Amino acid sequence: MSRPPHARESVLDAFAAILAAEGDRAATMDATARAAGVSKGGLLYHFASKDALEAGLISRMEALAAEDVAQIKQSPEGAVAAFMRTSLHTGTPLDNSIVAVSRLAQNGCAPAVAALRRIRESWEEAIRPYARDETALQLIMLVSDGLYFNNALTVGSVPGPVPTGAELDALIALVQSAASAG
């Protein structure tokens, strides 16, 4: 009898949540199984080791990022605006995966570092046609990084709110104007 695919996703969700909240040391196989509500055997059915669990999380993050890139490219408001709007941490599965994989990268997990670099490169490739040059591309990317970072902070260490609504629209227009390819 095969295990339901939902159990695999629950395990990845639990692993990501532990990584984000408590870090790599707390994200043990036992803690992940408990948090996912599966037996250790159920966890091992899907992921034979912590390395396999990390690889599963990284793979899921990359798949979610590929979906994000496809949506950005197809957005009726344009790729730059869509990219910047999705640069607000809203607790999506992609956001949660990025935070969790970032925790792995901070602890020296080379596959996590490489995956984060690959998804950044995929976003750059989606935006590059709309930037007049590489400096303009980096302007878009770095403003996006700043939006994401400031929005993800929950301890109030950055003064002022993250722009939303008309403020975000104005910021996007300014960045598009400064970086425009044409």
N, C-alpha and C. Protein backbone atom coordinates (compact mmCIF):
# COMPACT_ATOMS: atom_id res chain seq x y z
N MET A 1 0.85 -1.18 0.00
CA MET A 1 0.00 0.00 0.00
C MET A 1 0.89 1.24 0.00
N SER A 2 0.68 2.11 -0.96
CA SER A 2 1.52 3.30 -1.04
C SER A 2 1.02 4.40 -0.11
N ARG A 3 1.94 5.22 0.34
CA ARG A 3 1.63 6.34 1.21
C ARG A 3 1.00 7.46 0.37
N PRO A 4 0.05 8.20 0.93
CA PRO A 4 -0.54 9.29 0.16
C PRO A 4 0.47 10.40 -0.08
N PRO A 5 0.42 11.06 -1.25
CA PRO A 5 1.36 12.12 -1.55
C PRO A 5 1.25 13.28 -0.56
N HIS A 6 0.10 13.42 0.06
CA HIS A 6 -0.09 14.49 1.04
C HIS A 6 0.89 14.35 2.20
N ALA A 7 1.20 13.11 2.59
CA ALA A 7 2.13 12.89 3.70
C ALA A 7 3.52 13.45 3.36
N ARG A 8 3.95 13.28 2.13
CA ARG A 8 5.25 13.80 1.71
C ARG A 8 5.27 15.32 1.82
N GLU A 9 4.21 15.96 1.36
CA GLU A 9 4.13 17.42 1.42
C GLU A 9 4.04 17.90 2.87
N SER A 10 3.33 17.17 3.70
CA SER A 10 3.23 17.52 5.12
C SER A 10 4.60 17.45 5.79
N VAL A 11 5.38 16.45 5.43
CA VAL A 11 6.73 16.32 5.97
C VAL A 11 7.58 17.51 5.54
N LEU A 12 7.51 17.87 4.26
CA LEU A 12 8.29 19.02 3.78
C LEU A 12 7.83 20.31 4.45
N ASP A 13 6.53 20.47 4.63
CA ASP A 13 6.00 21.66 5.32
C ASP A 13 6.53 21.73 6.75
N ALA A 14 6.50 20.61 7.44
CA ALA A 14 6.96 20.56 8.83
C ALA A 14 8.45 20.85 8.91
N PHE A 15 9.22 20.26 8.03
CA PHE A 15 10.67 20.48 8.00
C PHE A 15 10.97 21.95 7.75
N ALA A 16 10.28 22.55 6.77
CA ALA A 16 10.49 23.97 6.47
C ALA A 16 10.13 24.85 7.66
N ALA A 17 9.03 24.54 8.32
CA ALA A 17 8.59 25.34 9.47
C ALA A 17 9.60 25.27 10.61
N ILE A 18 10.12 24.09 10.88
CA ILE A 18 11.11 23.94 11.95
C ILE A 18 12.39 24.69 11.58
N LEU A 19 12.84 24.52 10.35
CA LEU A 19 14.04 25.23 9.92
C LEU A 19 13.88 26.74 10.09
N ALA A 20 12.76 27.27 9.64
CA ALA A 20 12.53 28.72 9.70
C ALA A 20 12.45 29.22 11.13
N ALA A 21 11.77 28.48 11.98
CA ALA A 21 11.54 28.95 13.35
C ALA A 21 12.70 28.66 14.30
N GLU A 22 13.34 27.50 14.11
CA GLU A 22 14.31 27.07 15.11
C GLU A 22 15.70 26.77 14.56
N GLY A 23 15.84 26.68 13.25
CA GLY A 23 17.13 26.42 12.66
C GLY A 23 17.40 24.97 12.38
N ASP A 24 18.56 24.74 11.78
CA ASP A 24 18.94 23.42 11.29
C ASP A 24 19.10 22.39 12.41
N ARG A 25 19.68 22.80 13.52
CA ARG A 25 19.89 21.82 14.60
C ARG A 25 18.59 21.25 15.14
N ALA A 26 17.55 22.08 15.18
CA ALA A 26 16.27 21.62 15.70
C ALA A 26 15.50 20.79 14.68
N ALA A 27 15.85 20.90 13.42
CA ALA A 27 15.12 20.23 12.35
C ALA A 27 15.63 18.80 12.16
N THR A 28 15.49 18.00 13.20
CA THR A 28 15.90 16.61 13.14
C THR A 28 14.83 15.77 12.45
N MET A 29 15.17 14.57 12.12
CA MET A 29 14.20 13.66 11.51
C MET A 29 13.06 13.39 12.49
N ASP A 30 13.40 13.16 13.77
CA ASP A 30 12.36 12.90 14.77
C ASP A 30 11.43 14.09 14.94
N ALA A 31 12.00 15.29 15.06
CA ALA A 31 11.19 16.49 15.23
C ALA A 31 10.30 16.72 14.01
N THR A 32 10.84 16.46 12.84
CA THR A 32 10.06 16.63 11.61
C THR A 32 8.90 15.65 11.56
N ALA A 33 9.15 14.40 11.89
CA ALA A 33 8.08 13.40 11.90
C ALA A 33 6.98 13.80 12.88
N ARG A 34 7.38 14.22 14.09
CA ARG A 34 6.38 14.65 15.09
C ARG A 34 5.56 15.82 14.57
N ALA A 35 6.24 16.83 14.03
CA ALA A 35 5.54 18.03 13.56
C ALA A 35 4.63 17.72 12.37
N ALA A 36 5.01 16.76 11.56
CA ALA A 36 4.20 16.39 10.39
C ALA A 36 3.07 15.44 10.75
N GLY A 37 3.12 14.89 11.96
CA GLY A 37 2.10 13.95 12.37
C GLY A 37 2.20 12.61 11.68
N VAL A 38 3.45 12.21 11.38
CA VAL A 38 3.68 10.91 10.77
C VAL A 38 4.65 10.12 11.65
N SER A 39 4.66 8.83 11.48
CA SER A 39 5.61 8.01 12.22
C SER A 39 7.00 8.20 11.61
N LYS A 40 8.00 7.81 12.37
CA LYS A 40 9.36 7.88 11.84
C LYS A 40 9.46 7.01 10.59
N GLY A 41 8.79 5.85 10.60
CA GLY A 41 8.77 4.98 9.42
C GLY A 41 8.12 5.67 8.23
N GLY A 42 7.05 6.43 8.50
CA GLY A 42 6.39 7.17 7.44
C GLY A 42 7.31 8.23 6.83
N LEU A 43 8.06 8.88 7.70
CA LEU A 43 9.03 9.87 7.23
C LEU A 43 10.10 9.18 6.38
N LEU A 44 10.63 8.09 6.89
CA LEU A 44 11.71 7.38 6.20
C LEU A 44 11.24 6.79 4.87
N TYR A 45 9.94 6.52 4.74
CA TYR A 45 9.39 6.02 3.48
C TYR A 45 9.62 7.06 2.37
N HIS A 46 9.45 8.32 2.72
CA HIS A 46 9.60 9.41 1.75
C HIS A 46 11.02 9.95 1.67
N PHE A 47 11.70 9.99 2.82
CA PHE A 47 13.04 10.59 2.89
C PHE A 47 13.92 9.72 3.78
N ALA A 48 14.86 9.03 3.18
CA ALA A 48 15.68 8.06 3.88
C ALA A 48 16.71 8.69 4.81
N SER A 49 16.96 9.98 4.64
CA SER A 49 17.97 10.65 5.46
C SER A 49 17.65 12.14 5.52
N LYS A 50 18.36 12.84 6.39
CA LYS A 50 18.18 14.28 6.46
C LYS A 50 18.66 14.93 5.16
N ASP A 51 19.71 14.39 4.56
CA ASP A 51 20.17 14.90 3.27
C ASP A 51 19.06 14.78 2.22
N ALA A 52 18.35 13.67 2.23
CA ALA A 52 17.24 13.48 1.28
C ALA A 52 16.10 14.46 1.57
N LEU A 53 15.86 14.72 2.83
CA LEU A 53 14.84 15.69 3.22
C LEU A 53 15.23 17.09 2.75
N GLU A 54 16.48 17.45 2.94
CA GLU A 54 16.98 18.75 2.46
C GLU A 54 16.85 18.83 0.94
N ALA A 55 17.22 17.76 0.24
CA ALA A 55 17.13 17.74 -1.22
C ALA A 55 15.67 17.88 -1.67
N GLY A 56 14.76 17.24 -0.96
CA GLY A 56 13.33 17.36 -1.28
C GLY A 56 12.83 18.78 -1.11
N LEU A 57 13.25 19.43 -0.04
CA LEU A 57 12.84 20.82 0.20
C LEU A 57 13.42 21.75 -0.87
N ILE A 58 14.68 21.55 -1.20
CA ILE A 58 15.33 22.36 -2.22
C ILE A 58 14.65 22.16 -3.57
N SER A 59 14.33 20.93 -3.91
CA SER A 59 13.66 20.63 -5.17
C SER A 59 12.29 21.29 -5.22
N ARG A 60 11.55 21.23 -4.12
CA ARG A 60 10.24 21.87 -4.08
C ARG A 60 10.38 23.38 -4.25
N MET A 61 11.37 23.99 -3.59
CA MET A 61 11.57 25.43 -3.72
C MET A 61 11.85 25.79 -5.18
N GLU A 62 12.69 25.01 -5.84
CA GLU A 62 13.01 25.31 -7.23
C GLU A 62 11.79 25.16 -8.15
N ALA A 63 10.96 24.17 -7.89
CA ALA A 63 9.74 24.00 -8.68
C ALA A 63 8.79 25.18 -8.46
N LEU A 64 8.64 25.61 -7.22
CA LEU A 64 7.79 26.76 -6.92
C LEU A 64 8.35 28.04 -7.55
N ALA A 65 9.65 28.19 -7.54
CA ALA A 65 10.28 29.36 -8.17
C ALA A 65 10.07 29.34 -9.68
N ALA A 66 10.12 28.18 -10.29
CA ALA A 66 9.87 28.08 -11.73
C ALA A 66 8.44 28.49 -12.06
N GLU A 67 7.49 28.09 -11.22
CA GLU A 67 6.11 28.53 -11.40
C GLU A 67 6.00 30.04 -11.25
N ASP A 68 6.72 30.60 -10.28
CA ASP A 68 6.72 32.04 -10.05
C ASP A 68 7.26 32.77 -11.27
N VAL A 69 8.34 32.30 -11.84
CA VAL A 69 8.94 32.92 -13.03
C VAL A 69 7.94 32.87 -14.19
N ALA A 70 7.27 31.75 -14.37
CA ALA A 70 6.29 31.63 -15.46
C ALA A 70 5.17 32.65 -15.28
N GLN A 71 4.70 32.81 -14.05
CA GLN A 71 3.63 33.79 -13.78
C GLN A 71 4.12 35.22 -14.00
N ILE A 72 5.35 35.50 -13.59
CA ILE A 72 5.92 36.83 -13.79
C ILE A 72 5.98 37.15 -15.28
N LYS A 73 6.45 36.21 -16.08
CA LYS A 73 6.59 36.43 -17.52
C LYS A 73 5.25 36.64 -18.20
N GLN A 74 4.19 36.06 -17.66
CA GLN A 74 2.86 36.15 -18.28
C GLN A 74 2.00 37.26 -17.69
N SER A 75 2.50 37.98 -16.73
CA SER A 75 1.69 38.99 -16.06
C SER A 75 1.27 40.11 -17.01
N PRO A 76 -0.01 40.47 -17.01
CA PRO A 76 -0.46 41.55 -17.87
C PRO A 76 0.11 42.92 -17.49
N GLU A 77 0.55 43.08 -16.24
CA GLU A 77 1.10 44.38 -15.83
C GLU A 77 2.59 44.50 -16.15
N GLY A 78 3.17 43.44 -16.64
CA GLY A 78 4.59 43.45 -16.99
C GLY A 78 5.42 42.71 -15.96
N ALA A 79 6.54 42.21 -16.44
CA ALA A 79 7.40 41.35 -15.62
C ALA A 79 8.00 42.09 -14.43
N VAL A 80 8.46 43.32 -14.63
CA VAL A 80 9.10 44.05 -13.52
C VAL A 80 8.09 44.31 -12.41
N ALA A 81 6.92 44.81 -12.76
CA ALA A 81 5.90 45.09 -11.74
C ALA A 81 5.48 43.81 -11.03
N ALA A 82 5.26 42.75 -11.80
CA ALA A 82 4.85 41.48 -11.19
C ALA A 82 5.94 40.96 -10.26
N PHE A 83 7.18 41.05 -10.70
CA PHE A 83 8.30 40.58 -9.87
C PHE A 83 8.36 41.37 -8.56
N MET A 84 8.25 42.68 -8.65
CA MET A 84 8.34 43.49 -7.45
C MET A 84 7.15 43.23 -6.51
N ARG A 85 5.97 43.03 -7.06
CA ARG A 85 4.80 42.73 -6.20
C ARG A 85 4.95 41.40 -5.48
N THR A 86 5.61 40.45 -6.14
CA THR A 86 5.81 39.15 -5.48
C THR A 86 7.02 39.17 -4.55
N SER A 87 7.64 40.34 -4.42
CA SER A 87 8.79 40.48 -3.52
C SER A 87 8.37 40.87 -2.12
N LEU A 88 7.11 40.71 -1.83
CA LEU A 88 6.62 40.93 -0.47
C LEU A 88 6.36 39.56 0.14
N HIS A 89 7.00 39.29 1.26
CA HIS A 89 6.86 38.00 1.93
C HIS A 89 5.44 37.91 2.48
N THR A 90 4.66 36.98 1.93
CA THR A 90 3.26 36.84 2.35
C THR A 90 2.95 35.46 2.89
N GLY A 91 3.98 34.66 3.13
CA GLY A 91 3.74 33.34 3.69
C GLY A 91 3.31 32.30 2.68
N THR A 92 3.59 32.54 1.40
CA THR A 92 3.27 31.55 0.38
C THR A 92 4.18 30.34 0.54
N PRO A 93 3.83 29.22 -0.07
CA PRO A 93 4.75 28.08 -0.02
C PRO A 93 6.15 28.43 -0.55
N LEU A 94 6.23 29.28 -1.57
CA LEU A 94 7.54 29.69 -2.07
C LEU A 94 8.28 30.50 -1.02
N ASP A 95 7.60 31.47 -0.39
CA ASP A 95 8.23 32.26 0.67
C ASP A 95 8.77 31.35 1.77
N ASN A 96 7.94 30.43 2.22
CA ASN A 96 8.34 29.54 3.31
C ASN A 96 9.52 28.66 2.91
N SER A 97 9.52 28.22 1.67
CA SER A 97 10.63 27.39 1.18
C SER A 97 11.92 28.20 1.11
N ILE A 98 11.83 29.44 0.62
CA ILE A 98 13.02 30.28 0.52
C ILE A 98 13.62 30.53 1.90
N VAL A 99 12.78 30.85 2.87
CA VAL A 99 13.28 31.10 4.23
C VAL A 99 13.96 29.84 4.77
N ALA A 100 13.32 28.70 4.62
CA ALA A 100 13.87 27.45 5.14
C ALA A 100 15.18 27.09 4.45
N VAL A 101 15.21 27.19 3.13
CA VAL A 101 16.43 26.85 2.40
C VAL A 101 17.53 27.85 2.72
N SER A 102 17.16 29.10 2.97
CA SER A 102 18.15 30.10 3.39
C SER A 102 18.79 29.70 4.71
N ARG A 103 18.00 29.13 5.61
CA ARG A 103 18.56 28.66 6.88
C ARG A 103 19.57 27.55 6.65
N LEU A 104 19.27 26.66 5.71
CA LEU A 104 20.24 25.61 5.37
C LEU A 104 21.51 26.23 4.79
N ALA A 105 21.34 27.21 3.90
CA ALA A 105 22.49 27.87 3.28
C ALA A 105 23.35 28.56 4.32
N GLN A 106 22.73 29.18 5.31
CA GLN A 106 23.47 29.87 6.36
C GLN A 106 24.35 28.90 7.14
N ASN A 107 23.96 27.65 7.17
CA ASN A 107 24.75 26.64 7.89
C ASN A 107 25.72 25.91 6.97
N GLY A 108 25.93 26.44 5.78
CA GLY A 108 26.94 25.88 4.90
C GLY A 108 26.48 24.77 3.99
N CYS A 109 25.19 24.59 3.82
CA CYS A 109 24.68 23.55 2.92
C CYS A 109 24.89 24.01 1.47
N ALA A 110 25.89 23.45 0.82
CA ALA A 110 26.25 23.87 -0.54
C ALA A 110 25.10 23.70 -1.53
N PRO A 111 24.32 22.61 -1.50
CA PRO A 111 23.20 22.51 -2.43
C PRO A 111 22.15 23.62 -2.22
N ALA A 112 21.97 24.05 -0.99
CA ALA A 112 21.02 25.14 -0.72
C ALA A 112 21.53 26.45 -1.30
N VAL A 113 22.82 26.72 -1.12
CA VAL A 113 23.42 27.94 -1.67
C VAL A 113 23.27 27.93 -3.19
N ALA A 114 23.60 26.81 -3.82
CA ALA A 114 23.52 26.71 -5.28
C ALA A 114 22.09 26.88 -5.78
N ALA A 115 21.12 26.32 -5.07
CA ALA A 115 19.72 26.43 -5.48
C ALA A 115 19.23 27.87 -5.36
N LEU A 116 19.59 28.54 -4.28
CA LEU A 116 19.19 29.94 -4.11
C LEU A 116 19.81 30.80 -5.22
N ARG A 117 21.03 30.50 -5.57
CA ARG A 117 21.69 31.23 -6.66
C ARG A 117 20.96 30.96 -7.98
N ARG A 118 20.56 29.71 -8.22
CA ARG A 118 19.85 29.38 -9.47
C ARG A 118 18.51 30.09 -9.56
N ILE A 119 17.77 30.16 -8.46
CA ILE A 119 16.47 30.83 -8.59
C ILE A 119 16.65 32.34 -8.78
N ARG A 120 17.66 32.92 -8.15
CA ARG A 120 17.92 34.34 -8.39
C ARG A 120 18.25 34.56 -9.86
N GLU A 121 19.07 33.68 -10.42
CA GLU A 121 19.42 33.78 -11.84
C GLU A 121 18.19 33.63 -12.73
N SER A 122 17.26 32.77 -12.35
CA SER A 122 16.04 32.60 -13.16
C SER A 122 15.18 33.87 -13.11
N TRP A 123 15.13 34.51 -11.95
CA TRP A 123 14.41 35.80 -11.87
C TRP A 123 15.13 36.86 -12.71
N GLU A 124 16.45 36.88 -12.65
CA GLU A 124 17.20 37.84 -13.46
C GLU A 124 16.92 37.64 -14.95
N GLU A 125 16.89 36.39 -15.39
CA GLU A 125 16.62 36.11 -16.80
C GLU A 125 15.22 36.56 -17.20
N ALA A 126 14.26 36.45 -16.30
CA ALA A 126 12.89 36.89 -16.60
C ALA A 126 12.80 38.41 -16.70
N ILE A 127 13.63 39.11 -15.94
CA ILE A 127 13.58 40.57 -15.86
C ILE A 127 14.53 41.23 -16.86
N ARG A 128 15.60 40.57 -17.21
CA ARG A 128 16.66 41.16 -18.05
C ARG A 128 16.13 41.86 -19.31
N PRO A 129 15.16 41.30 -20.04
CA PRO A 129 14.68 41.98 -21.25
C PRO A 129 14.06 43.36 -20.99
N TYR A 130 13.72 43.64 -19.74
CA TYR A 130 13.05 44.90 -19.40
C TYR A 130 13.99 45.90 -18.74
N ALA A 131 15.25 45.54 -18.64
CA ALA A 131 16.26 46.42 -18.05
C ALA A 131 17.21 46.88 -19.15
N ARG A 132 17.55 48.16 -19.12
CA ARG A 132 18.38 48.71 -20.20
C ARG A 132 19.80 48.16 -20.19
N ASP A 133 20.29 47.73 -19.01
CA ASP A 133 21.63 47.15 -18.91
C ASP A 133 21.73 46.37 -17.61
N GLU A 134 22.91 45.83 -17.35
CA GLU A 134 23.09 45.00 -16.15
C GLU A 134 22.96 45.81 -14.85
N THR A 135 23.37 47.07 -14.88
CA THR A 135 23.23 47.92 -13.70
C THR A 135 21.75 48.14 -13.39
N ALA A 136 20.96 48.39 -14.43
CA ALA A 136 19.52 48.57 -14.24
C ALA A 136 18.87 47.27 -13.73
N LEU A 137 19.34 46.14 -14.25
CA LEU A 137 18.84 44.86 -13.77
C LEU A 137 19.12 44.70 -12.28
N GLN A 138 20.33 45.05 -11.86
CA GLN A 138 20.67 44.93 -10.45
C GLN A 138 19.86 45.91 -9.59
N LEU A 139 19.52 47.06 -10.13
CA LEU A 139 18.64 47.99 -9.41
C LEU A 139 17.31 47.31 -9.11
N ILE A 140 16.72 46.69 -10.11
CA ILE A 140 15.45 45.99 -9.93
C ILE A 140 15.60 44.88 -8.89
N MET A 141 16.64 44.08 -9.05
CA MET A 141 16.85 42.94 -8.15
C MET A 141 17.07 43.40 -6.71
N LEU A 142 17.88 44.43 -6.53
CA LEU A 142 18.21 44.87 -5.17
C LEU A 142 17.03 45.58 -4.50
N VAL A 143 16.24 46.33 -5.25
CA VAL A 143 15.02 46.91 -4.66
C VAL A 143 14.08 45.78 -4.26
N SER A 144 13.97 44.77 -5.11
CA SER A 144 13.14 43.61 -4.79
C SER A 144 13.65 42.91 -3.53
N ASP A 145 14.97 42.72 -3.44
CA ASP A 145 15.55 42.10 -2.24
C ASP A 145 15.21 42.92 -1.00
N GLY A 146 15.32 44.24 -1.12
CA GLY A 146 15.02 45.12 0.01
C GLY A 146 13.57 45.02 0.42
N LEU A 147 12.66 44.98 -0.54
CA LEU A 147 11.24 44.81 -0.22
C LEU A 147 11.01 43.50 0.53
N TYR A 148 11.61 42.44 0.01
CA TYR A 148 11.42 41.11 0.62
C TYR A 148 11.99 41.08 2.03
N PHE A 149 13.20 41.56 2.19
CA PHE A 149 13.87 41.53 3.48
C PHE A 149 13.09 42.36 4.51
N ASN A 150 12.74 43.58 4.15
CA ASN A 150 12.04 44.44 5.09
C ASN A 150 10.66 43.91 5.43
N ASN A 151 9.99 43.32 4.47
CA ASN A 151 8.67 42.76 4.71
C ASN A 151 8.75 41.50 5.56
N ALA A 152 9.83 40.75 5.43
CA ALA A 152 9.97 39.49 6.17
C ALA A 152 10.32 39.72 7.64
N LEU A 153 10.85 40.89 7.95
CA LEU A 153 11.20 41.17 9.34
C LEU A 153 9.94 41.34 10.18
N THR A 154 9.89 40.66 11.27
CA THR A 154 8.70 40.76 12.12
C THR A 154 9.03 41.40 13.46
N VAL A 155 10.26 41.78 13.67
CA VAL A 155 10.65 42.33 14.97
C VAL A 155 10.67 43.85 14.99
N GLY A 156 10.29 44.48 13.89
CA GLY A 156 10.21 45.93 13.85
C GLY A 156 11.55 46.63 13.86
N SER A 157 12.60 45.96 13.39
CA SER A 157 13.92 46.57 13.45
C SER A 157 14.19 47.54 12.31
N VAL A 158 13.33 47.56 11.31
CA VAL A 158 13.50 48.50 10.21
C VAL A 158 12.43 49.57 10.34
N PRO A 159 12.83 50.85 10.39
CA PRO A 159 11.83 51.90 10.55
C PRO A 159 10.90 52.01 9.35
N GLY A 160 9.67 52.33 9.63
CA GLY A 160 8.70 52.57 8.57
C GLY A 160 8.12 51.30 8.00
N PRO A 161 6.88 51.40 7.50
CA PRO A 161 6.22 50.22 6.91
C PRO A 161 6.73 49.93 5.52
N VAL A 162 6.54 48.73 5.10
CA VAL A 162 6.84 48.33 3.73
C VAL A 162 5.76 48.94 2.85
N PRO A 163 6.14 49.51 1.71
CA PRO A 163 5.14 50.15 0.86
C PRO A 163 4.10 49.17 0.34
N THR A 164 2.87 49.59 0.34
CA THR A 164 1.77 48.83 -0.24
C THR A 164 0.87 49.79 -1.00
N GLY A 165 -0.08 49.27 -1.72
CA GLY A 165 -1.05 50.10 -2.42
C GLY A 165 -0.39 51.13 -3.32
N ALA A 166 -0.82 52.40 -3.16
CA ALA A 166 -0.32 53.48 -4.00
C ALA A 166 1.18 53.70 -3.81
N GLU A 167 1.68 53.49 -2.60
CA GLU A 167 3.13 53.65 -2.37
C GLU A 167 3.93 52.61 -3.15
N LEU A 168 3.44 51.39 -3.14
CA LEU A 168 4.12 50.34 -3.90
C LEU A 168 4.02 50.62 -5.40
N ASP A 169 2.85 51.05 -5.85
CA ASP A 169 2.69 51.40 -7.26
C ASP A 169 3.69 52.48 -7.67
N ALA A 170 3.86 53.50 -6.82
CA ALA A 170 4.79 54.60 -7.12
C ALA A 170 6.24 54.10 -7.14
N LEU A 171 6.59 53.21 -6.21
CA LEU A 171 7.94 52.65 -6.18
C LEU A 171 8.20 51.83 -7.44
N ILE A 172 7.23 51.02 -7.83
CA ILE A 172 7.38 50.21 -9.04
C ILE A 172 7.56 51.11 -10.26
N ALA A 173 6.75 52.17 -10.36
CA ALA A 173 6.85 53.10 -11.50
C ALA A 173 8.23 53.76 -11.53
N LEU A 174 8.74 54.14 -10.36
CA LEU A 174 10.05 54.77 -10.30
C LEU A 174 11.15 53.80 -10.74
N VAL A 175 11.09 52.58 -10.26
CA VAL A 175 12.10 51.58 -10.64
C VAL A 175 11.99 51.26 -12.13
N GLN A 176 10.77 51.11 -12.63
CA GLN A 176 10.60 50.84 -14.06
C GLN A 176 11.16 51.98 -14.91
N SER A 177 10.91 53.20 -14.49
CA SER A 177 11.40 54.37 -15.22
C SER A 177 12.94 54.41 -15.21
N ALA A 178 13.52 54.16 -14.07
CA ALA A 178 14.98 54.23 -13.94
C ALA A 178 15.66 53.08 -14.69
N ALA A 179 15.01 51.93 -14.77
CA ALA A 179 15.65 50.75 -15.33
C ALA A 179 15.21 50.41 -16.74
N SER A 180 14.27 51.15 -17.28
CA SER A 180 13.63 50.83 -18.54
C SER A 180 14.61 50.57 -19.68
N ALA A 181 14.30 49.52 -20.42
CA ALA A 181 15.12 49.16 -21.58
C ALA A 181 14.78 50.01 -22.80
N GLY A 182 13.68 50.67 -22.75
CA GLY A 182 13.32 51.40 -23.96
C GLY A 182 12.58 52.59 -23.69
